[in-house]
Amino acid sequence: MHSNTLIGAVAVGQLVAHVAASPLEARLDNGLGATPLMGWSGWNAGQCNAASEKWAVDTANKFVSLGLKDVGYTYVNIDDCWSTKSRNNSGHLVPDPSKWPNGIRSVTQKIHGMGLKFGLYGCAGTQTCAGYPGSQGHEYQDAQTLASWDVDFWKHDNCYTPCNTNPLPQTCGSPKGNTQTWYTTMRDAITSVKGTKNIYFNLCNWGRDNVWQWGKSMGNSWRMSTDNWGDWASVVRIGAGAQDIAQYSGPGGFNDLDMLIVGNGKLNANEERLHFGLWAIAKSPLVLGTDLSKISSSTLAIVKNKGIIDINQDPLGKAAAPFVPPGGPGRVNGQIYPYWAGPLTDGVVIGLSAASGAATLSVKFADVPGLGGSGEYNWKEMYSGKTGRGTSVSFSLASHDMAVIKVTR
């Protein structure tokens, strides 16, 4: 297993009360992550082979040529396998010279020169998930190294960490201690270089120890589940898991539903729309995980949908959550509920999900949390571009498809 492989003013009523249920004040104050991160990560695209200068620079160029930078994709993040298999005599991580012939800093500078950001991967344990040096016992040294390379992002994985099994397994089924302990250590190391370099800190503890309850004080985003394994079942499992933790996301720190698997040939067009749309309204980081040199025009249109991206990047930063309209179906554990809503600075987003099969889904605006007032509203569905005005909205959706609707006065 690679673990990573990882409205505003009108937003009143029960949804705002729901979102306010968890305090948001104790957040990591590093000036980053005011809205969910948007970018790319190499693991799903090419696993270890993607951990190279060529992949990083080529992807950055694709951000520009494909128009991804223009709609907000900023971070080019390298995952596992970028270093040599051992540290140098001084204990420092060493970029694999065959993969990084010009070193890391030169690549970072090149990517910064394109108006983009660059990220790297590491692990809290003795080794990374693929068996490269982990940061245990080297946290402050590694943070200083990242700052010296001008790295913008650090993903901290959870392999080979304290376990009741000996020797340490890659993934521990009987953990020893609480992951908050070692994520606190790396958080302190990362913040120790503040003033030199503010680094976006992504916690990848696979949703252990209810990380959503404390992650906001540690990092800018936290993985709330085990990995997205690249299939529809993973989309359903993770989407269902996000339904009851929306209140923990807010500016500065967000639930991370893991990398997007759009463009990898495992989902059909309906499933790609639901996957991207649900991640967006749940305010997850939007991290592409495909080879951008091979991305199809249809997938590119999904991930560049400006209306949905604007919803994800809305500065209010409140994640959508399921709501049960009068006469609506009951919740089923492990399934994505059909009706979602979340506040925006200038309205409300409604998500209608046919994750469990083809359906006609209708909702009266008077029943939508955050709206609730009588009268007519304007609406726009972001995938089809359909618009309207009235007291309700209805869409007939094919199996596994989704409608993402912005509603305004």
Protein backbone atom coordinates (compact mmCIF):
# COMPACT_ATOMS: atom_id res chain seq x y z
CA MET A 1 0.00 0.00 0.00
CA HIS A 2 1.27 3.42 -0.83
CA SER A 3 -0.57 5.80 1.33
CA ASN A 4 -1.15 8.79 -0.42
CA THR A 5 -1.09 6.79 -2.15
CA LEU A 6 -1.52 8.73 -0.39
CA ILE A 7 -24.66 33.40 1.81
CA GLY A 8 -22.13 35.42 3.46
CA ALA A 9 -24.85 37.85 4.51
CA VAL A 10 -27.64 35.64 3.23
CA ALA A 11 -26.21 32.48 4.75
CA VAL A 12 -28.51 32.26 7.70
CA GLY A 13 -30.50 29.45 9.24
CA GLN A 14 -29.68 25.88 10.04
CA LEU A 15 -26.69 25.40 7.73
CA VAL A 16 -24.75 28.25 9.29
CA ALA A 17 -25.62 26.89 12.72
CA HIS A 18 -24.28 23.51 11.60
CA VAL A 19 -21.05 24.98 10.27
CA ALA A 20 -20.56 27.02 13.44
CA ALA A 21 -20.83 23.91 15.61
CA SER A 22 -17.06 23.47 15.66
CA PRO A 23 -14.65 26.24 16.67
CA LEU A 24 -12.45 27.39 13.83
CA GLU A 25 -10.29 29.87 15.69
CA ALA A 26 -7.39 27.60 16.66
CA ARG A 27 -5.95 27.30 13.19
CA LEU A 28 -2.36 27.10 12.04
CA ASP A 29 -1.54 30.73 11.36
CA ASN A 30 0.93 30.57 8.50
CA GLY A 31 -0.98 32.73 6.02
CA LEU A 32 -1.56 29.80 3.68
CA GLY A 33 -4.59 27.75 2.68
CA ALA A 34 -7.18 30.54 2.91
CA THR A 35 -8.98 28.56 0.22
CA PRO A 36 -8.44 24.92 -0.72
CA LEU A 37 -5.17 24.18 -2.50
CA MET A 38 -5.33 23.56 -6.23
CA GLY A 39 -2.60 21.72 -8.04
CA TRP A 40 -1.18 18.40 -9.19
CA SER A 41 0.58 15.47 -7.53
CA GLY A 42 2.70 12.90 -9.27
CA TRP A 43 1.83 9.63 -7.54
CA ASN A 44 -1.34 8.64 -9.39
CA ALA A 45 0.16 9.87 -12.65
CA GLY A 46 3.38 7.86 -12.58
CA GLN A 47 4.15 6.68 -9.03
CA CYS A 48 7.92 6.64 -8.40
CA ASN A 49 8.68 7.41 -12.05
CA ALA A 50 6.93 10.79 -11.67
CA ALA A 51 9.26 11.95 -8.88
CA SER A 52 11.66 13.76 -11.17
CA GLU A 53 12.70 17.15 -12.49
CA LYS A 54 11.36 16.27 -15.94
CA TRP A 55 7.89 15.46 -14.63
CA ALA A 56 7.84 18.58 -12.45
CA VAL A 57 8.89 20.97 -15.20
CA ASP A 58 6.78 19.33 -17.90
CA THR A 59 3.73 19.49 -15.64
CA ALA A 60 4.35 23.14 -14.83
CA ASN A 61 4.53 23.88 -18.55
CA LYS A 62 1.23 22.02 -19.03
CA PHE A 63 -0.38 24.13 -16.30
CA VAL A 64 0.35 27.12 -18.52
CA SER A 65 -0.33 25.69 -21.98
CA LEU A 66 -3.59 23.95 -20.98
CA GLY A 67 -4.93 27.00 -19.16
CA LEU A 68 -4.91 25.29 -15.77
CA LYS A 69 -2.87 28.07 -14.20
CA ASP A 70 -5.43 30.59 -15.45
CA VAL A 71 -8.24 28.91 -13.50
CA GLY A 72 -6.25 28.54 -10.27
CA TYR A 73 -4.10 25.40 -10.37
CA THR A 74 -0.87 26.48 -8.69
CA TYR A 75 1.00 23.70 -6.90
CA VAL A 76 3.18 21.15 -8.71
CA ASN A 77 3.81 18.54 -6.03
CA ILE A 78 6.22 15.63 -6.23
CA ASP A 79 5.36 12.55 -4.17
CA ASP A 80 7.43 9.60 -2.91
CA CYS A 81 10.77 8.38 -4.31
CA TRP A 82 12.43 11.72 -5.10
CA SER A 83 15.45 11.26 -2.82
CA THR A 84 18.30 8.80 -2.63
CA LYS A 85 17.75 5.72 -0.46
CA SER A 86 19.91 7.13 2.35
CA ARG A 87 20.79 10.49 3.86
CA ASN A 88 24.26 11.99 3.43
CA ASN A 89 26.95 11.99 6.13
CA SER A 90 25.44 15.13 7.66
CA GLY A 91 22.01 13.54 7.88
CA HIS A 92 20.45 15.60 5.11
CA LEU A 93 18.02 14.34 2.50
CA VAL A 94 19.64 14.13 -0.93
CA PRO A 95 17.76 14.51 -4.22
CA ASP A 96 18.38 11.51 -6.47
CA PRO A 97 20.90 12.93 -8.98
CA SER A 98 19.53 10.75 -11.78
CA LYS A 99 16.08 12.30 -11.30
CA TRP A 100 17.19 15.81 -10.31
CA PRO A 101 20.39 16.49 -12.27
CA ASN A 102 20.16 20.20 -11.43
CA GLY A 103 19.06 19.75 -7.83
CA ILE A 104 15.79 20.80 -6.23
CA ARG A 105 16.34 24.52 -5.78
CA SER A 106 16.93 25.15 -9.48
CA VAL A 107 13.63 23.42 -10.28
CA THR A 108 11.83 25.39 -7.59
CA GLN A 109 13.19 28.65 -9.00
CA LYS A 110 12.15 27.69 -12.53
CA ILE A 111 8.61 26.84 -11.40
CA HIS A 112 8.39 30.02 -9.32
CA GLY A 113 9.44 31.94 -12.41
CA MET A 114 6.30 30.61 -14.09
CA GLY A 115 4.13 31.99 -11.30
CA LEU A 116 3.58 28.53 -9.79
CA LYS A 117 4.57 26.72 -6.59
CA PHE A 118 6.48 23.52 -5.90
CA GLY A 119 5.94 20.82 -3.29
CA LEU A 120 7.65 17.72 -1.93
CA TYR A 121 6.69 14.62 0.03
CA GLY A 122 8.00 13.00 3.18
CA CYS A 123 6.95 10.70 5.96
CA ALA A 124 6.62 10.82 9.74
CA GLY A 125 8.19 7.41 10.22
CA THR A 126 11.60 5.90 9.77
CA GLN A 127 10.94 5.39 6.05
CA THR A 128 8.54 6.71 3.46
CA CYS A 129 5.88 4.35 2.17
CA ALA A 130 8.15 3.35 -0.74
CA GLY A 131 11.16 2.80 1.52
CA TYR A 132 13.04 6.11 1.21
CA PRO A 133 14.31 8.04 4.26
CA GLY A 134 11.57 9.26 6.58
CA SER A 135 11.76 12.33 8.80
CA GLN A 136 11.58 10.68 12.22
CA GLY A 137 14.34 12.27 14.29
CA HIS A 138 15.21 14.67 11.45
CA GLU A 139 12.13 16.91 11.45
CA TYR A 140 13.88 20.24 12.10
CA GLN A 141 16.76 19.40 9.78
CA ASP A 142 14.32 18.51 7.00
CA ALA A 143 12.28 21.68 7.52
CA GLN A 144 15.43 23.75 7.21
CA THR A 145 16.38 21.87 4.06
CA LEU A 146 12.98 22.56 2.52
CA ALA A 147 13.28 26.23 3.36
CA SER A 148 16.75 26.38 1.82
CA TRP A 149 15.34 24.89 -1.38
CA ASP A 150 12.42 27.39 -1.30
CA VAL A 151 9.88 24.53 -1.31
CA ASP A 152 6.26 25.69 -0.89
CA PHE A 153 4.45 22.51 0.20
CA TRP A 154 5.19 19.46 2.31
CA LYS A 155 3.04 16.34 2.44
CA HIS A 156 3.75 14.31 5.59
CA ASP A 157 2.75 10.66 5.27
CA ASN A 158 2.26 8.05 8.02
CA CYS A 159 4.22 4.92 7.09
CA TYR A 160 6.69 3.12 9.36
CA THR A 161 5.48 5.06 12.40
CA PRO A 162 5.31 3.75 16.01
CA CYS A 163 3.55 0.39 16.12
CA ASN A 164 2.93 -2.47 18.51
CA THR A 165 4.45 -4.78 15.90
CA ASN A 166 8.17 -5.35 15.56
CA PRO A 167 9.77 -4.85 13.13
CA LEU A 168 7.84 -1.78 12.05
CA PRO A 169 5.51 -2.54 9.14
CA GLN A 170 4.86 -0.09 6.35
CA THR A 171 1.25 0.32 7.47
CA CYS A 172 0.54 -0.47 11.11
CA GLY A 173 -2.70 -2.21 11.99
CA SER A 174 -2.02 -1.79 15.72
CA PRO A 175 -0.60 1.74 16.11
CA LYS A 176 1.40 2.65 19.19
CA GLY A 177 0.51 6.11 20.42
CA ASN A 178 -1.42 8.85 18.65
CA THR A 179 -0.53 10.32 15.28
CA GLN A 180 -1.07 13.81 16.69
CA THR A 181 2.24 13.37 18.54
CA TRP A 182 4.43 13.08 15.47
CA TYR A 183 2.42 15.56 13.41
CA THR A 184 2.92 18.10 16.20
CA THR A 185 6.68 17.58 15.95
CA MET A 186 6.71 18.22 12.20
CA ARG A 187 4.32 21.15 12.57
CA ASP A 188 6.71 22.76 15.04
CA ALA A 189 9.63 22.10 12.68
CA ILE A 190 7.78 23.61 9.72
CA THR A 191 6.77 26.70 11.68
CA SER A 192 10.31 27.10 13.03
CA VAL A 193 11.42 28.28 9.58
CA LYS A 194 8.61 30.88 9.39
CA GLY A 195 10.08 34.19 8.31
CA THR A 196 12.47 32.26 6.12
CA LYS A 197 9.79 30.31 4.34
CA ASN A 198 6.13 29.63 5.05
CA ILE A 199 5.43 26.08 3.93
CA TYR A 200 1.96 24.64 3.31
CA PHE A 201 1.69 21.61 5.60
CA ASN A 202 -0.48 18.68 4.45
CA LEU A 203 -1.14 15.99 7.07
CA CYS A 204 -1.51 12.55 5.53
CA ASN A 205 -2.40 10.36 8.53
CA TRP A 206 -5.23 8.59 6.63
CA GLY A 207 -7.99 9.98 8.85
CA ARG A 208 -6.69 8.30 11.98
CA ASP A 209 -7.36 9.62 15.48
CA ASN A 210 -10.21 11.85 14.24
CA VAL A 211 -7.67 14.17 12.64
CA TRP A 212 -10.41 16.59 11.52
CA GLN A 213 -10.90 17.53 15.18
CA TRP A 214 -7.30 18.67 15.68
CA GLY A 215 -5.80 19.00 12.21
CA LYS A 216 -6.66 22.69 12.01
CA SER A 217 -4.00 23.47 14.63
CA MET A 218 -1.41 21.39 12.79
CA GLY A 219 -1.69 22.03 9.08
CA ASN A 220 -3.46 23.58 6.13
CA SER A 221 -5.19 20.35 5.12
CA TRP A 222 -5.53 16.86 6.48
CA ARG A 223 -6.38 13.58 4.83
CA MET A 224 -9.68 12.42 6.30
CA SER A 225 -9.58 8.85 4.95
CA THR A 226 -7.42 6.08 3.65
CA ASP A 227 -6.30 6.43 0.06
CA ASN A 228 -8.31 6.98 -3.06
CA TRP A 229 -7.44 3.73 -4.77
CA GLY A 230 -8.37 4.99 -8.22
CA ASP A 231 -11.83 3.48 -8.57
CA TRP A 232 -15.51 4.38 -8.21
CA ALA A 233 -15.75 2.51 -4.91
CA SER A 234 -13.12 4.85 -3.47
CA VAL A 235 -15.04 7.91 -4.62
CA VAL A 236 -18.14 6.61 -2.83
CA ARG A 237 -16.25 5.59 0.32
CA ILE A 238 -14.44 8.92 0.67
CA GLY A 239 -17.42 11.05 -0.34
CA ALA A 240 -19.61 9.29 2.21
CA GLY A 241 -16.94 9.76 4.86
CA ALA A 242 -16.86 13.51 4.27
CA GLN A 243 -20.57 13.96 4.92
CA ASP A 244 -20.45 14.46 8.68
CA ILE A 245 -17.21 16.43 9.08
CA ALA A 246 -17.95 19.48 6.91
CA GLN A 247 -17.96 21.78 9.95
CA TYR A 248 -14.24 21.24 10.52
CA SER A 249 -13.18 22.89 7.26
CA GLY A 250 -12.58 26.62 7.06
CA PRO A 251 -10.11 29.21 5.79
CA GLY A 252 -6.61 28.08 6.71
CA GLY A 253 -7.41 24.37 7.05
CA PHE A 254 -9.55 21.93 5.07
CA ASN A 255 -10.58 18.28 5.02
CA ASP A 256 -8.53 16.65 2.27
CA LEU A 257 -10.47 13.98 0.35
CA ASP A 258 -7.26 12.84 -1.41
CA MET A 259 -6.10 13.32 -4.98
CA LEU A 260 -8.54 13.40 -7.86
CA ILE A 261 -8.55 10.35 -10.12
CA VAL A 262 -10.20 12.06 -13.08
CA GLY A 263 -8.38 11.39 -16.34
CA ASN A 264 -6.97 7.99 -15.37
CA GLY A 265 -9.39 5.81 -17.32
CA LYS A 266 -11.09 4.29 -14.29
CA LEU A 267 -14.21 6.51 -14.22
CA ASN A 268 -16.75 7.30 -16.90
CA ALA A 269 -17.76 10.88 -17.70
CA ASN A 270 -20.67 10.86 -15.23
CA GLU A 271 -18.43 9.59 -12.45
CA GLU A 272 -15.75 12.16 -13.22
CA ARG A 273 -18.34 14.94 -12.94
CA LEU A 274 -19.61 13.65 -9.60
CA HIS A 275 -16.10 13.08 -8.27
CA PHE A 276 -14.87 16.56 -9.19
CA GLY A 277 -18.10 18.31 -8.21
CA LEU A 278 -18.39 16.65 -4.82
CA TRP A 279 -14.73 17.27 -3.92
CA ALA A 280 -15.21 20.90 -4.93
CA ILE A 281 -18.33 21.64 -2.90
CA ALA A 282 -16.88 19.73 0.09
CA LYS A 283 -14.01 22.24 -0.09
CA SER A 284 -11.37 19.57 -0.55
CA PRO A 285 -8.07 20.54 -2.13
CA LEU A 286 -8.38 19.93 -5.87
CA VAL A 287 -5.23 17.99 -6.71
CA LEU A 288 -5.02 16.46 -10.16
CA GLY A 289 -3.31 13.08 -10.39
CA THR A 290 -3.05 12.37 -14.09
CA ASP A 291 -0.45 12.68 -16.83
CA LEU A 292 -1.36 16.08 -18.27
CA SER A 293 0.30 15.24 -21.57
CA LYS A 294 -2.46 12.65 -22.12
CA ILE A 295 -5.50 14.35 -20.57
CA SER A 296 -8.62 14.25 -22.77
CA SER A 297 -10.55 17.35 -23.77
CA SER A 298 -13.62 16.10 -21.90
CA THR A 299 -11.73 15.60 -18.64
CA LEU A 300 -9.94 18.91 -19.12
CA ALA A 301 -13.32 20.64 -19.46
CA ILE A 302 -14.41 19.13 -16.13
CA VAL A 303 -11.35 20.15 -14.15
CA LYS A 304 -11.33 23.64 -15.72
CA ASN A 305 -15.02 24.33 -14.98
CA LYS A 306 -14.70 27.87 -13.66
CA GLY A 307 -18.10 27.95 -12.00
CA ILE A 308 -17.30 24.90 -9.89
CA ILE A 309 -13.77 26.09 -9.17
CA ASP A 310 -15.16 29.44 -7.99
CA ILE A 311 -17.45 27.57 -5.59
CA ASN A 312 -14.50 25.59 -4.23
CA GLN A 313 -12.46 28.77 -3.91
CA ASP A 314 -15.21 30.91 -2.39
CA PRO A 315 -13.53 32.95 0.37
CA LEU A 316 -16.19 32.06 2.95
CA GLY A 317 -14.56 28.60 2.98
CA LYS A 318 -17.56 26.66 4.29
CA ALA A 319 -17.94 23.09 3.08
CA ALA A 320 -21.25 21.74 1.80
CA ALA A 321 -22.97 18.99 3.77
CA PRO A 322 -25.96 16.71 3.20
CA PHE A 323 -29.45 17.92 4.12
CA VAL A 324 -32.68 15.93 4.16
CA PRO A 325 -35.56 17.71 2.41
CA PRO A 326 -39.15 16.92 3.41
CA GLY A 327 -39.93 13.46 2.07
CA GLY A 328 -36.29 12.86 1.17
CA PRO A 329 -34.69 9.45 1.63
CA GLY A 330 -32.95 8.44 4.82
CA ARG A 331 -29.19 8.38 5.14
CA VAL A 332 -27.44 5.09 4.39
CA ASN A 333 -24.02 4.46 5.89
CA GLY A 334 -21.30 4.26 3.27
CA GLN A 335 -23.41 5.87 0.54
CA ILE A 336 -23.28 9.42 -0.84
CA TYR A 337 -26.50 11.23 0.03
CA PRO A 338 -28.40 12.81 -2.92
CA TYR A 339 -28.91 16.30 -1.45
CA TRP A 340 -26.08 18.63 -0.38
CA ALA A 341 -25.90 22.37 0.36
CA GLY A 342 -23.32 24.88 1.52
CA PRO A 343 -23.11 28.65 2.01
CA LEU A 344 -21.24 30.96 -0.34
CA THR A 345 -20.41 34.63 0.04
CA ASP A 346 -23.12 35.49 -2.49
CA GLY A 347 -25.53 32.57 -2.30
CA VAL A 348 -25.74 28.84 -1.71
CA VAL A 349 -24.45 25.84 -3.62
CA ILE A 350 -26.72 22.83 -3.99
CA GLY A 351 -25.30 19.47 -5.00
CA LEU A 352 -27.64 16.84 -6.42
CA SER A 353 -25.93 13.45 -6.51
CA ALA A 354 -27.09 10.31 -8.33
CA ALA A 355 -24.29 8.23 -6.81
CA SER A 356 -26.66 5.34 -6.09
CA GLY A 357 -28.30 5.24 -9.52
CA ALA A 358 -30.23 7.27 -12.07
CA ALA A 359 -32.73 9.61 -10.42
CA THR A 360 -34.80 12.72 -10.84
CA LEU A 361 -33.85 14.94 -7.91
CA SER A 362 -35.97 17.96 -7.04
CA VAL A 363 -35.74 20.44 -4.20
CA LYS A 364 -37.72 23.48 -3.14
CA PHE A 365 -35.49 26.41 -2.30
CA ALA A 366 -37.54 27.05 0.83
CA ASP A 367 -36.24 23.70 2.14
CA VAL A 368 -32.58 24.38 1.44
CA PRO A 369 -30.47 25.28 4.50
CA GLY A 370 -29.11 28.77 4.15
CA LEU A 371 -31.94 29.88 1.87
CA GLY A 372 -35.18 29.08 3.63
CA GLY A 373 -36.95 32.27 2.57
CA SER A 374 -40.05 32.41 0.47
CA GLY A 375 -40.00 33.79 -3.03
CA GLU A 376 -38.00 33.14 -6.15
CA TYR A 377 -34.28 32.66 -6.62
CA ASN A 378 -31.93 32.68 -9.60
CA TRP A 379 -29.99 29.50 -10.26
CA LYS A 380 -27.31 28.16 -12.56
CA GLU A 381 -26.15 24.55 -13.01
CA MET A 382 -22.42 24.59 -13.58
CA TYR A 383 -21.85 21.56 -15.81
CA SER A 384 -24.69 22.12 -18.28
CA GLY A 385 -24.75 25.91 -18.01
CA LYS A 386 -28.53 25.82 -17.62
CA THR A 387 -30.05 28.78 -15.79
CA GLY A 388 -33.45 29.60 -14.37
CA ARG A 389 -35.47 31.45 -11.81
CA GLY A 390 -38.16 30.10 -9.53
CA THR A 391 -38.99 28.50 -6.20
CA SER A 392 -37.44 25.09 -6.91
CA VAL A 393 -35.07 23.17 -9.14
CA SER A 394 -35.15 19.65 -10.60
CA PHE A 395 -32.69 17.57 -12.60
CA SER A 396 -32.98 14.12 -14.13
CA LEU A 397 -29.55 12.56 -13.70
CA ALA A 398 -28.03 9.46 -15.19
CA SER A 399 -26.42 6.95 -12.85
CA HIS A 400 -23.39 8.31 -10.99
CA ASP A 401 -23.85 11.85 -12.37
CA MET A 402 -24.15 15.10 -10.45
CA ALA A 403 -25.61 18.60 -10.79
CA VAL A 404 -23.84 21.50 -9.09
CA ILE A 405 -26.20 24.45 -8.76
CA LYS A 406 -25.44 27.95 -7.52
CA VAL A 407 -28.48 29.76 -6.14
CA THR A 408 -28.68 33.52 -5.62
CA ARG A 409 -31.41 36.05 -4.90
